[in-house]
Amino acid sequence: MFGETINWAIIAPLLVVQIILTLIALIDWIKQENTRGPKMLWLFIILFISMLGPVLYFVLGKKE
C-alpha cells in the first residue's frame, strides 16, 4: 500500500481540468455584477469544493 507509485497519467489531466475550470469560474465570478445568493459565498464554493464548485457556480450561481 505505501510502496505504490502514483499513476500520474490519470491524475495529471484531472488536475489540469480542475485548475482550468477554477480559473474560468473565478474570472467569470469577478466579471459578474450579480449572482444568485451572496457573491462571496460563491467565491468560497468555487475555491473549496474542488471540481464540483466551479460546476455548481456555472449551473446555479450565475444570473443571466
N, C-alpha and C. Protein backbone atom coordinates (compact mmCIF):
# COMPACT_ATOMS: atom_id res chain seq x y z
N MET A 1 0.82 -1.19 0.00
CA MET A 1 0.00 0.00 0.00
C MET A 1 0.87 1.26 0.00
N PHE A 2 1.85 1.35 0.87
CA PHE A 2 2.68 2.54 0.96
C PHE A 2 3.75 2.57 -0.13
N GLY A 3 4.10 1.42 -0.69
CA GLY A 3 5.13 1.36 -1.70
C GLY A 3 4.63 1.63 -3.10
N GLU A 4 3.32 1.79 -3.27
CA GLU A 4 2.75 2.02 -4.59
C GLU A 4 3.11 3.42 -5.10
N THR A 5 3.29 3.50 -6.40
CA THR A 5 3.56 4.81 -7.00
C THR A 5 2.25 5.40 -7.51
N ILE A 6 2.25 6.70 -7.65
CA ILE A 6 1.06 7.40 -8.13
C ILE A 6 1.04 7.33 -9.65
N ASN A 7 -0.12 7.01 -10.21
CA ASN A 7 -0.27 6.95 -11.65
C ASN A 7 -0.59 8.35 -12.17
N TRP A 8 0.45 9.10 -12.52
CA TRP A 8 0.29 10.48 -12.95
C TRP A 8 -0.41 10.60 -14.29
N ALA A 9 -0.43 9.54 -15.08
CA ALA A 9 -1.12 9.58 -16.37
C ALA A 9 -2.62 9.78 -16.19
N ILE A 10 -3.15 9.38 -15.06
CA ILE A 10 -4.57 9.56 -14.77
C ILE A 10 -4.80 10.84 -13.97
N ILE A 11 -3.94 11.12 -13.02
CA ILE A 11 -4.15 12.25 -12.11
C ILE A 11 -3.84 13.59 -12.76
N ALA A 12 -2.79 13.68 -13.57
CA ALA A 12 -2.37 14.95 -14.16
C ALA A 12 -3.46 15.60 -15.01
N PRO A 13 -4.13 14.87 -15.91
CA PRO A 13 -5.20 15.52 -16.69
C PRO A 13 -6.36 16.02 -15.81
N LEU A 14 -6.68 15.29 -14.76
CA LEU A 14 -7.74 15.75 -13.85
C LEU A 14 -7.33 17.03 -13.13
N LEU A 15 -6.08 17.13 -12.72
CA LEU A 15 -5.60 18.35 -12.08
C LEU A 15 -5.63 19.53 -13.04
N VAL A 16 -5.24 19.30 -14.27
CA VAL A 16 -5.26 20.37 -15.28
C VAL A 16 -6.69 20.84 -15.52
N VAL A 17 -7.62 19.90 -15.67
CA VAL A 17 -9.03 20.26 -15.88
C VAL A 17 -9.56 21.04 -14.67
N GLN A 18 -9.22 20.61 -13.49
CA GLN A 18 -9.68 21.30 -12.28
C GLN A 18 -9.13 22.72 -12.22
N ILE A 19 -7.86 22.91 -12.52
CA ILE A 19 -7.26 24.24 -12.49
C ILE A 19 -7.89 25.15 -13.53
N ILE A 20 -8.08 24.63 -14.75
CA ILE A 20 -8.69 25.44 -15.81
C ILE A 20 -10.12 25.82 -15.45
N LEU A 21 -10.90 24.85 -14.97
CA LEU A 21 -12.29 25.12 -14.57
C LEU A 21 -12.35 26.18 -13.48
N THR A 22 -11.48 26.06 -12.49
CA THR A 22 -11.45 27.01 -11.39
C THR A 22 -11.09 28.41 -11.87
N LEU A 23 -10.09 28.51 -12.74
CA LEU A 23 -9.68 29.81 -13.26
C LEU A 23 -10.79 30.46 -14.08
N ILE A 24 -11.45 29.69 -14.93
CA ILE A 24 -12.55 30.23 -15.73
C ILE A 24 -13.68 30.70 -14.83
N ALA A 25 -14.00 29.91 -13.82
CA ALA A 25 -15.07 30.29 -12.89
C ALA A 25 -14.70 31.55 -12.12
N LEU A 26 -13.45 31.67 -11.69
CA LEU A 26 -13.02 32.86 -10.96
C LEU A 26 -13.06 34.11 -11.83
N ILE A 27 -12.63 33.99 -13.08
CA ILE A 27 -12.67 35.13 -13.99
C ILE A 27 -14.12 35.56 -14.22
N ASP A 28 -15.00 34.59 -14.42
CA ASP A 28 -16.41 34.92 -14.62
C ASP A 28 -17.01 35.51 -13.35
N TRP A 29 -16.63 34.98 -12.20
CA TRP A 29 -17.14 35.49 -10.91
C TRP A 29 -16.75 36.95 -10.71
N ILE A 30 -15.52 37.30 -11.09
CA ILE A 30 -15.06 38.69 -10.97
C ILE A 30 -15.88 39.61 -11.87
N LYS A 31 -16.20 39.15 -13.08
CA LYS A 31 -16.93 39.97 -14.05
C LYS A 31 -18.41 40.12 -13.72
N GLN A 32 -18.98 39.17 -13.00
CA GLN A 32 -20.42 39.18 -12.70
C GLN A 32 -20.77 40.28 -11.71
N GLU A 33 -21.81 41.03 -12.01
CA GLU A 33 -22.32 42.04 -11.08
C GLU A 33 -23.17 41.37 -10.00
N ASN A 34 -24.06 40.48 -10.43
CA ASN A 34 -24.99 39.82 -9.51
C ASN A 34 -24.89 38.30 -9.66
N THR A 35 -25.05 37.63 -8.55
CA THR A 35 -25.12 36.17 -8.56
C THR A 35 -26.36 35.76 -7.78
N ARG A 36 -26.74 34.52 -7.93
CA ARG A 36 -27.84 34.00 -7.11
C ARG A 36 -27.27 33.69 -5.74
N GLY A 37 -27.62 34.49 -4.77
CA GLY A 37 -27.06 34.34 -3.44
C GLY A 37 -25.88 35.27 -3.27
N PRO A 38 -25.29 35.28 -2.09
CA PRO A 38 -24.16 36.17 -1.81
C PRO A 38 -22.95 35.86 -2.69
N LYS A 39 -22.39 36.90 -3.27
CA LYS A 39 -21.27 36.72 -4.20
C LYS A 39 -20.06 36.10 -3.49
N MET A 40 -19.78 36.51 -2.26
CA MET A 40 -18.64 35.96 -1.53
C MET A 40 -18.82 34.47 -1.24
N LEU A 41 -20.03 34.03 -1.02
CA LEU A 41 -20.29 32.60 -0.81
C LEU A 41 -19.87 31.80 -2.04
N TRP A 42 -20.17 32.33 -3.23
CA TRP A 42 -19.79 31.63 -4.45
C TRP A 42 -18.29 31.56 -4.62
N LEU A 43 -17.58 32.56 -4.14
CA LEU A 43 -16.12 32.51 -4.19
C LEU A 43 -15.60 31.31 -3.38
N PHE A 44 -16.13 31.15 -2.18
CA PHE A 44 -15.70 30.02 -1.34
C PHE A 44 -16.11 28.68 -1.95
N ILE A 45 -17.28 28.63 -2.56
CA ILE A 45 -17.72 27.38 -3.21
C ILE A 45 -16.79 27.05 -4.37
N ILE A 46 -16.46 28.04 -5.19
CA ILE A 46 -15.56 27.82 -6.33
C ILE A 46 -14.20 27.32 -5.86
N LEU A 47 -13.67 27.94 -4.81
CA LEU A 47 -12.31 27.62 -4.38
C LEU A 47 -12.19 26.34 -3.56
N PHE A 48 -13.19 26.05 -2.73
CA PHE A 48 -13.01 24.99 -1.74
C PHE A 48 -13.80 23.71 -2.00
N ILE A 49 -14.63 23.68 -3.02
CA ILE A 49 -15.36 22.44 -3.29
C ILE A 49 -14.80 21.78 -4.55
N SER A 50 -13.51 21.82 -4.68
CA SER A 50 -12.78 21.10 -5.71
C SER A 50 -13.41 21.25 -7.09
N MET A 51 -13.56 20.18 -7.82
CA MET A 51 -14.05 20.24 -9.19
C MET A 51 -15.54 20.55 -9.26
N LEU A 52 -16.27 20.23 -8.23
CA LEU A 52 -17.71 20.44 -8.24
C LEU A 52 -18.08 21.91 -8.02
N GLY A 53 -17.26 22.67 -7.32
CA GLY A 53 -17.55 24.07 -7.02
C GLY A 53 -17.73 24.93 -8.26
N PRO A 54 -16.77 24.92 -9.20
CA PRO A 54 -16.97 25.71 -10.42
C PRO A 54 -18.19 25.28 -11.22
N VAL A 55 -18.46 23.99 -11.27
CA VAL A 55 -19.64 23.49 -12.00
C VAL A 55 -20.91 24.01 -11.34
N LEU A 56 -20.97 23.96 -10.01
CA LEU A 56 -22.13 24.48 -9.30
C LEU A 56 -22.32 25.97 -9.56
N TYR A 57 -21.22 26.70 -9.61
CA TYR A 57 -21.31 28.13 -9.88
C TYR A 57 -21.95 28.39 -11.25
N PHE A 58 -21.47 27.68 -12.28
CA PHE A 58 -22.00 27.91 -13.61
C PHE A 58 -23.44 27.45 -13.75
N VAL A 59 -23.82 26.40 -13.05
CA VAL A 59 -25.19 25.87 -13.16
C VAL A 59 -26.17 26.66 -12.28
N LEU A 60 -25.78 26.93 -11.03
CA LEU A 60 -26.71 27.53 -10.08
C LEU A 60 -26.43 28.98 -9.72
N GLY A 61 -25.19 29.41 -9.77
CA GLY A 61 -24.83 30.70 -9.23
C GLY A 61 -24.94 31.88 -10.16
N LYS A 62 -24.74 31.66 -11.46
CA LYS A 62 -24.76 32.76 -12.40
C LYS A 62 -26.17 33.25 -12.65
N LYS A 63 -26.32 34.57 -12.64
CA LYS A 63 -27.58 35.17 -13.08
C LYS A 63 -27.38 35.57 -14.53
N GLU A 64 -28.40 35.33 -15.33
CA GLU A 64 -28.26 35.67 -16.75
C GLU A 64 -28.99 36.95 -17.07
